[in-house]
Amino acid sequence: MGFAIPAPSVGSGVMALDTGNVPEEFRNHPDWKDPAPSIADAATLGDGLRQAREASGRSLSQLSTATRVHSRYLTALEQNDWSSLPSRVFSVGYVRAYAGALGLDEQLAVERFKRECPDPSVPLQPPVGVAFQEVRRYSPRVIGALALVAVAVVGWNVFQRVSLARAPAPSALTSTPESWTLGAVPGQTVALSVPLAAPPDQTIPALYVTPGLEDQLAGTDTAETQAAAAAHVGPVQKAFNPRGAVYGASATASQVVLQARKAASLVVRMADGRVLFARQLAAGEAWRAPIGVSAVIDASEPNAFDIYLNGEHGGALQGVLTPLQQLNARAGSVARQMAADAEAARAAAARGAMAAIAPSAQAATAPAAPPRPAPSTGPVPYTALPPAG
């Protein structure tokens, strides 16, 4: 099925449509619309828009409502009054909306608007062929200048190398005759002997440590220090070092601390079923256990938690479920042992001090020795010697 659109009749401003080839049943259909005239057949863009609006039978106000464009801008488009239009971007949008509302080709209308109303802000670009001809015209000169510079640089480097190069000359020492020999000078002889020992000022003496100086500076006695070292049982374990958040009781109200080596969960349930503490601890975080609380420690991974009793490391948890009373009892036993060790150390230090004072006291209470007779300064008395047998 084809539609024929004849040329406009002479003397009329409205484009007549040839609809004789369209069957009557098609024209009576509710969705039938008469084909809009082409925007390319009009003399100008404004004439094409006006003819298409008159052919549609709608007014400017109706199209202004449909396109949401003010009627004065639609009138300016129909009258080719480009000076009354707003900026370039809005004008192109108005042309596109007006052509779409009239059933015209929007892209064709926009291209015709740009052709009839060129943008003065865009400068004209020279043709590509002209620029290429300019490059071809000046390219030999540019290439020649670059080649001349390259030749000059290479020639200068060659000249420098040639001017600085010299023929190798023999050494002056090789032509000097030998005028002396070892031992030819009178009174000078060379003799080698065994190596001599280092002089005294080059030796390093052994470091001298004053006896009792360290104890004096530290304010302790030697006997007390030795007794404390002898009374201590077992080496000191590593101390608790918080590397994250510490939950639970305060430091003064706790003797047991559980610290996580890696991420693991810890749940502490009391005897009546209430949850005292429950948390997923990260590596380095710890929980202080209160004293005198009946609870059970439930750990997801026992080996992931270290036990610290009174600040010293006491190993890792042994089972998934651990009574808190057992850990508090261990902490109390360790505390009592440490107190007993400290008391024994103080007693040993006191005995050492008494032993050091006793000789001085005995020397003070001992009777004084009789005075020795002073040597005589007078003449020696005469003693008769027996006659010889």
Protein backbone atom coordinates (compact mmCIF):
# COMPACT_ATOMS: atom_id res chain seq x y z
CA MET A 1 0.00 0.00 0.00
CA GLY A 2 1.49 3.37 -0.99
CA PHE A 3 0.56 6.97 -0.43
CA ALA A 4 1.07 9.71 -3.01
CA ILE A 5 1.77 13.21 -1.75
CA PRO A 6 1.45 15.69 -4.64
CA ALA A 7 3.09 19.10 -4.78
CA PRO A 8 1.20 22.03 -3.24
CA SER A 9 -1.30 23.72 -5.47
CA VAL A 10 -0.51 27.14 -6.84
CA GLY A 11 -2.00 30.04 -4.96
CA SER A 12 -2.66 28.12 -1.79
CA GLY A 13 -0.47 28.02 1.27
CA VAL A 14 -1.76 24.59 2.38
CA MET A 15 -0.24 21.41 1.06
CA ALA A 16 -2.94 19.18 -0.49
CA LEU A 17 -2.68 15.46 0.20
CA ASP A 18 -3.57 12.92 -2.46
CA THR A 19 -5.61 10.31 -0.61
CA GLY A 20 -7.37 8.79 -3.59
CA ASN A 21 -5.24 5.65 -3.44
CA VAL A 22 -6.18 4.90 0.21
CA PRO A 23 -9.20 2.58 0.60
CA GLU A 24 -12.14 3.96 2.49
CA GLU A 25 -12.04 1.16 5.12
CA PHE A 26 -8.51 2.22 6.10
CA ARG A 27 -9.52 5.84 6.45
CA ASN A 28 -12.50 4.91 8.64
CA HIS A 29 -10.26 2.97 11.06
CA PRO A 30 -9.96 4.67 14.52
CA ASP A 31 -6.13 4.58 14.44
CA TRP A 32 -5.86 6.09 10.95
CA LYS A 33 -3.83 9.28 10.64
CA ASP A 34 -3.16 11.26 7.51
CA PRO A 35 0.55 11.21 6.59
CA ALA A 36 2.37 14.36 7.60
CA PRO A 37 4.01 16.34 4.77
CA SER A 38 7.79 16.04 4.50
CA ILE A 39 9.89 18.82 6.03
CA ALA A 40 12.24 18.64 3.06
CA ASP A 41 9.59 19.73 0.53
CA ALA A 42 9.05 23.15 2.12
CA ALA A 43 11.04 26.23 1.13
CA THR A 44 12.26 26.86 4.69
CA LEU A 45 12.07 25.10 7.99
CA GLY A 46 9.50 27.54 9.30
CA ASP A 47 7.26 27.03 6.26
CA GLY A 48 7.44 23.26 6.68
CA LEU A 49 6.50 23.46 10.37
CA ARG A 50 3.64 25.85 9.69
CA GLN A 51 2.26 23.75 6.83
CA ALA A 52 2.42 20.59 8.92
CA ARG A 53 0.60 22.32 11.81
CA GLU A 54 -2.14 23.63 9.52
CA ALA A 55 -2.49 20.18 7.97
CA SER A 56 -2.93 18.65 11.44
CA GLY A 57 -5.68 21.14 12.27
CA ARG A 58 -4.19 22.13 15.66
CA SER A 59 -3.45 25.59 16.97
CA LEU A 60 -0.27 26.99 18.45
CA SER A 61 -1.71 26.86 21.97
CA GLN A 62 -2.54 23.18 21.62
CA LEU A 63 0.95 22.36 20.36
CA SER A 64 2.47 24.53 23.10
CA THR A 65 0.64 22.41 25.68
CA ALA A 66 1.71 19.17 23.99
CA THR A 67 5.37 20.16 23.61
CA ARG A 68 5.62 22.27 26.80
CA VAL A 69 7.26 25.01 24.72
CA HIS A 70 6.02 28.60 24.91
CA SER A 71 3.88 29.65 21.97
CA ARG A 72 6.13 32.63 21.19
CA TYR A 73 9.05 30.24 20.51
CA LEU A 74 6.84 28.10 18.25
CA THR A 75 5.79 31.26 16.39
CA ALA A 76 9.47 32.26 16.02
CA LEU A 77 10.26 28.84 14.54
CA GLU A 78 7.42 29.11 12.00
CA GLN A 79 8.49 32.64 11.04
CA ASN A 80 12.23 31.76 10.86
CA ASP A 81 12.89 34.42 13.51
CA TRP A 82 16.07 32.95 14.96
CA SER A 83 16.90 36.04 17.02
CA SER A 84 13.86 35.51 19.27
CA LEU A 85 14.96 32.01 20.24
CA PRO A 86 16.93 31.26 23.44
CA SER A 87 20.35 29.58 23.53
CA ARG A 88 21.48 27.08 20.93
CA VAL A 89 20.84 24.01 23.06
CA PHE A 90 17.25 24.98 23.92
CA SER A 91 16.50 25.98 20.31
CA VAL A 92 17.56 22.56 19.02
CA GLY A 93 15.37 20.93 21.69
CA TYR A 94 12.38 23.06 20.68
CA VAL A 95 12.80 22.13 17.00
CA ARG A 96 13.02 18.44 17.90
CA ALA A 97 9.92 18.59 20.15
CA TYR A 98 7.86 20.60 17.62
CA ALA A 99 8.73 18.26 14.74
CA GLY A 100 7.95 15.19 16.86
CA ALA A 101 4.54 16.60 17.87
CA LEU A 102 3.67 17.23 14.19
CA GLY A 103 4.76 13.73 13.13
CA LEU A 104 7.79 14.97 11.17
CA ASP A 105 11.30 13.54 11.05
CA GLU A 106 12.98 15.04 14.13
CA GLN A 107 16.57 14.47 12.99
CA LEU A 108 15.86 15.93 9.54
CA ALA A 109 14.26 19.00 11.13
CA VAL A 110 17.25 19.51 13.46
CA GLU A 111 19.74 19.20 10.59
CA ARG A 112 17.82 21.71 8.51
CA PHE A 113 17.68 24.13 11.48
CA LYS A 114 21.46 23.88 11.92
CA ARG A 115 21.95 24.48 8.19
CA GLU A 116 19.63 27.49 8.02
CA CYS A 117 20.77 28.92 11.38
CA PRO A 118 24.49 28.17 11.77
CA ASP A 119 26.13 28.52 15.21
CA PRO A 120 28.32 31.69 15.16
CA SER A 121 30.33 30.53 18.22
CA VAL A 122 31.93 27.59 16.34
CA PRO A 123 34.79 28.82 14.09
CA LEU A 124 35.08 27.47 10.59
CA GLN A 125 37.75 24.81 10.18
CA PRO A 126 39.90 24.72 7.07
CA PRO A 127 39.51 21.71 4.82
CA VAL A 128 41.72 18.75 5.57
CA GLY A 129 43.25 18.82 2.11
CA VAL A 130 44.52 22.39 2.53
CA ALA A 131 46.26 21.53 5.84
CA PHE A 132 47.84 18.48 4.25
CA GLN A 133 49.15 20.60 1.39
CA GLU A 134 50.69 23.04 3.89
CA VAL A 135 52.47 20.16 5.64
CA ARG A 136 53.78 18.82 2.35
CA ARG A 137 55.04 22.28 1.40
CA TYR A 138 57.12 22.82 4.55
CA SER A 139 58.14 19.21 5.26
CA PRO A 140 61.36 19.28 3.13
CA ARG A 141 62.60 22.34 5.00
CA VAL A 142 61.92 20.78 8.39
CA ILE A 143 63.60 17.51 7.43
CA GLY A 144 66.61 19.37 6.08
CA ALA A 145 66.98 21.42 9.27
CA LEU A 146 66.82 18.28 11.43
CA ALA A 147 69.39 16.53 9.29
CA LEU A 148 71.72 19.54 9.48
CA VAL A 149 71.51 19.58 13.28
CA ALA A 150 72.23 15.83 13.46
CA VAL A 151 75.28 16.17 11.20
CA ALA A 152 76.59 19.07 13.29
CA VAL A 153 76.28 17.09 16.55
CA VAL A 154 78.00 14.02 15.10
CA GLY A 155 80.79 16.08 13.57
CA TRP A 156 81.47 17.90 16.82
CA ASN A 157 81.78 14.63 18.74
CA VAL A 158 84.17 13.20 16.13
CA PHE A 159 86.29 16.34 16.22
CA GLN A 160 86.56 16.19 20.01
CA ARG A 161 87.66 12.55 19.95
CA VAL A 162 90.28 13.14 17.28
CA SER A 163 91.73 16.26 18.90
CA LEU A 164 92.00 14.65 22.34
CA ALA A 165 93.45 11.37 21.16
CA ARG A 166 97.26 11.07 21.58
CA ALA A 167 99.71 8.38 20.64
CA PRO A 168 100.91 6.28 23.62
CA ALA A 169 104.32 7.43 24.87
CA PRO A 170 106.78 5.16 26.72
CA SER A 171 107.13 5.66 30.47
CA ALA A 172 109.96 7.89 31.68
CA LEU A 173 110.94 5.34 34.34
CA THR A 174 111.94 2.72 31.80
CA SER A 175 114.72 4.95 30.38
CA THR A 176 116.25 5.86 33.78
CA PRO A 177 119.44 3.83 34.38
CA GLU A 178 119.79 1.99 37.67
CA SER A 179 122.25 3.94 39.85
CA TRP A 180 122.04 2.13 43.18
CA THR A 181 121.76 -1.35 44.62
CA LEU A 182 120.82 -2.75 48.01
CA GLY A 183 123.69 -2.27 50.51
CA ALA A 184 125.78 -0.06 48.23
CA VAL A 185 125.41 2.97 50.53
CA PRO A 186 128.03 2.83 53.32
CA GLY A 187 126.72 2.41 56.86
CA GLN A 188 123.26 1.14 55.82
CA THR A 189 122.44 -2.55 56.23
CA VAL A 190 119.15 -4.35 56.31
CA ALA A 191 118.53 -7.09 58.91
CA LEU A 192 115.27 -8.88 59.89
CA SER A 193 114.56 -10.17 63.41
CA VAL A 194 111.68 -11.91 65.17
CA PRO A 195 108.48 -9.89 65.72
CA LEU A 196 108.46 -7.81 68.86
CA ALA A 197 105.71 -7.98 71.46
CA ALA A 198 103.11 -5.29 71.63
CA PRO A 199 104.05 -2.32 73.79
CA PRO A 200 102.40 -2.06 77.19
CA ASP A 201 100.21 0.86 76.20
CA GLN A 202 98.54 -1.26 73.50
CA THR A 203 97.26 -4.00 75.83
CA ILE A 204 93.71 -3.91 77.22
CA PRO A 205 93.49 -4.68 80.95
CA ALA A 206 90.73 -6.87 82.33
CA LEU A 207 87.61 -5.05 83.49
CA TYR A 208 87.67 -4.50 87.25
CA VAL A 209 84.39 -4.75 89.11
CA THR A 210 84.27 -3.34 92.62
CA PRO A 211 82.88 -5.97 95.01
CA GLY A 212 79.50 -4.98 96.43
CA LEU A 213 79.14 -1.93 94.19
CA GLU A 214 76.04 -3.16 92.42
CA ASP A 215 74.36 -4.13 95.70
CA GLN A 216 75.26 -0.75 97.16
CA LEU A 217 73.80 1.15 94.23
CA ALA A 218 70.67 -1.01 94.22
CA GLY A 219 70.17 -0.61 97.97
CA THR A 220 70.26 -4.38 98.71
CA ASP A 221 72.60 -6.57 100.68
CA THR A 222 74.59 -9.39 99.15
CA ALA A 223 73.37 -11.92 101.69
CA GLU A 224 69.79 -10.78 101.19
CA THR A 225 70.10 -11.09 97.41
CA GLN A 226 71.58 -14.56 97.60
CA ALA A 227 68.94 -15.71 100.05
CA ALA A 228 66.11 -14.37 97.89
CA ALA A 229 67.55 -16.11 94.83
CA ALA A 230 67.92 -19.39 96.75
CA ALA A 231 64.40 -19.17 98.19
CA HIS A 232 62.69 -18.63 94.83
CA VAL A 233 61.26 -21.85 93.44
CA GLY A 234 61.05 -22.18 89.67
CA PRO A 235 61.69 -19.60 86.97
CA VAL A 236 59.48 -16.55 86.51
CA GLN A 237 56.93 -17.10 83.72
CA LYS A 238 56.05 -14.50 81.11
CA ALA A 239 53.80 -11.74 82.36
CA PHE A 240 50.37 -10.78 81.05
CA ASN A 241 50.65 -8.23 78.25
CA PRO A 242 47.31 -6.82 77.07
CA ARG A 243 47.27 -6.48 73.29
CA GLY A 244 43.63 -5.48 72.93
CA ALA A 245 40.47 -4.84 74.91
CA VAL A 246 40.23 -6.37 78.41
CA TYR A 247 36.72 -7.31 79.58
CA GLY A 248 35.38 -8.54 82.91
CA ALA A 249 36.41 -7.51 86.42
CA SER A 250 38.92 -4.84 87.34
CA ALA A 251 42.61 -5.62 87.76
CA THR A 252 42.43 -5.37 91.58
CA ALA A 253 39.44 -7.73 91.83
CA SER A 254 40.76 -10.58 89.69
CA GLN A 255 43.52 -13.18 89.89
CA VAL A 256 42.74 -15.11 86.67
CA VAL A 257 42.97 -13.67 83.14
CA LEU A 258 42.11 -15.53 79.92
CA GLN A 259 43.76 -14.08 76.79
CA ALA A 260 42.99 -15.21 73.24
CA ARG A 261 45.86 -16.25 71.01
CA LYS A 262 43.58 -16.17 67.97
CA ALA A 263 39.94 -15.41 67.27
CA ALA A 264 37.72 -17.73 69.34
CA SER A 265 34.45 -17.57 71.29
CA LEU A 266 34.26 -17.59 75.11
CA VAL A 267 31.05 -18.14 77.11
CA VAL A 268 30.96 -18.05 80.94
CA ARG A 269 27.79 -19.48 82.55
CA MET A 270 26.96 -19.18 86.22
CA ALA A 271 25.58 -22.00 88.36
CA ASP A 272 21.96 -20.80 88.01
CA GLY A 273 22.20 -20.81 84.20
CA ARG A 274 22.73 -17.09 83.67
CA VAL A 275 25.39 -16.02 81.17
CA LEU A 276 28.07 -13.95 82.86
CA PHE A 277 30.10 -13.24 79.73
CA ALA A 278 29.77 -14.21 76.06
CA ARG A 279 31.86 -12.76 73.25
CA GLN A 280 33.92 -13.61 70.19
CA LEU A 281 37.39 -12.47 71.28
CA ALA A 282 39.95 -11.36 68.73
CA ALA A 283 43.65 -12.16 69.00
CA GLY A 284 45.11 -10.28 71.99
CA GLU A 285 41.81 -9.52 73.73
CA ALA A 286 41.32 -10.86 77.28
CA TRP A 287 38.72 -11.47 80.00
CA ARG A 288 39.37 -11.01 83.74
CA ALA A 289 37.57 -13.54 85.94
CA PRO A 290 36.03 -12.26 89.18
CA ILE A 291 36.95 -13.78 92.52
CA GLY A 292 34.46 -15.95 94.42
CA VAL A 293 32.04 -16.57 91.52
CA SER A 294 30.73 -20.08 90.76
CA ALA A 295 30.74 -20.40 86.97
CA VAL A 296 31.82 -22.65 84.12
CA ILE A 297 34.05 -21.47 81.23
CA ASP A 298 32.94 -22.75 77.80
CA ALA A 299 35.60 -22.17 75.10
CA SER A 300 35.17 -23.04 71.42
CA GLU A 301 38.91 -23.84 71.16
CA PRO A 302 40.66 -24.45 74.50
CA ASN A 303 44.16 -24.17 73.04
CA ALA A 304 43.32 -20.68 71.74
CA PHE A 305 43.25 -19.20 75.29
CA ASP A 306 46.22 -18.62 77.66
CA ILE A 307 45.73 -18.60 81.43
CA TYR A 308 47.49 -15.94 83.54
CA LEU A 309 47.52 -16.50 87.31
CA ASN A 310 48.42 -13.38 89.32
CA GLY A 311 49.98 -11.87 86.21
CA GLU A 312 52.17 -14.90 85.29
CA HIS A 313 51.52 -17.36 82.49
CA GLY A 314 49.95 -20.59 83.68
CA GLY A 315 49.51 -22.55 80.44
CA ALA A 316 46.48 -22.95 78.20
CA LEU A 317 42.96 -24.18 78.84
CA GLN A 318 42.86 -27.96 78.94
CA GLY A 319 39.21 -28.63 78.11
CA VAL A 320 36.16 -27.13 76.49
CA LEU A 321 34.44 -26.80 79.88
CA THR A 322 36.56 -25.55 82.80
CA PRO A 323 35.24 -24.65 86.31
CA LEU A 324 36.17 -21.12 87.28
CA GLN A 325 36.66 -22.21 90.92
CA GLN A 326 39.52 -24.47 89.81
CA LEU A 327 41.39 -21.56 88.19
CA ASN A 328 40.77 -19.30 91.19
CA ALA A 329 42.07 -22.05 93.51
CA ARG A 330 45.25 -22.36 91.43
CA ALA A 331 45.72 -18.60 91.57
CA GLY A 332 45.30 -18.60 95.35
CA SER A 333 47.80 -21.42 95.75
CA VAL A 334 50.35 -19.58 93.63
CA ALA A 335 49.79 -16.40 95.63
CA ARG A 336 50.31 -18.22 98.93
CA GLN A 337 53.48 -19.88 97.62
CA MET A 338 54.83 -16.52 96.47
CA ALA A 339 54.09 -15.02 99.92
CA ALA A 340 55.85 -17.93 101.64
CA ASP A 341 58.87 -17.56 99.34
CA ALA A 342 59.04 -13.84 100.07
CA GLU A 343 58.82 -14.48 103.86
CA ALA A 344 61.58 -17.12 103.63
CA ALA A 345 63.74 -14.70 101.67
CA ARG A 346 63.27 -12.00 104.32
CA ALA A 347 64.11 -14.46 107.12
CA ALA A 348 67.25 -15.63 105.31
CA ALA A 349 68.30 -12.03 104.79
CA ALA A 350 67.80 -11.31 108.51
CA ARG A 351 69.87 -14.34 109.51
CA GLY A 352 72.65 -13.27 107.15
CA ALA A 353 72.66 -9.80 108.67
CA MET A 354 72.83 -11.21 112.22
CA ALA A 355 75.68 -13.51 111.22
CA ALA A 356 77.61 -10.54 109.84
CA ILE A 357 77.05 -8.52 113.05
CA ALA A 358 77.97 -11.35 115.51
CA PRO A 359 81.82 -11.32 114.96
CA SER A 360 81.93 -7.60 115.57
CA ALA A 361 79.98 -7.95 118.80
CA GLN A 362 82.23 -10.75 120.06
CA ALA A 363 85.32 -8.69 119.33
CA ALA A 364 83.88 -5.81 121.30
CA THR A 365 83.11 -7.94 124.44
CA ALA A 366 86.40 -9.99 124.51
CA PRO A 367 88.93 -9.09 127.41
CA ALA A 368 91.83 -6.93 126.46
CA ALA A 369 95.22 -8.63 126.13
CA PRO A 370 97.98 -7.61 128.61
CA PRO A 371 100.28 -4.95 127.33
CA ARG A 372 103.57 -6.06 125.96
CA PRO A 373 106.68 -4.66 127.75
CA ALA A 374 108.32 -1.87 125.99
CA PRO A 375 111.89 -2.52 124.84
CA SER A 376 114.60 -1.23 127.25
CA THR A 377 116.93 1.48 126.11
CA GLY A 378 119.52 1.08 128.99
CA PRO A 379 122.77 -0.95 129.05
CA VAL A 380 122.57 -4.72 128.81
CA PRO A 381 123.44 -6.41 132.18
CA TYR A 382 126.71 -8.46 132.27
CA THR A 383 126.21 -12.22 132.46
CA ALA A 384 129.23 -14.49 133.20
CA LEU A 385 129.70 -17.25 130.70
CA PRO A 386 130.59 -20.78 131.94
CA PRO A 387 134.17 -21.80 131.36
CA ALA A 388 134.79 -23.86 128.34
CA GLY A 389 135.20 -27.61 129.04
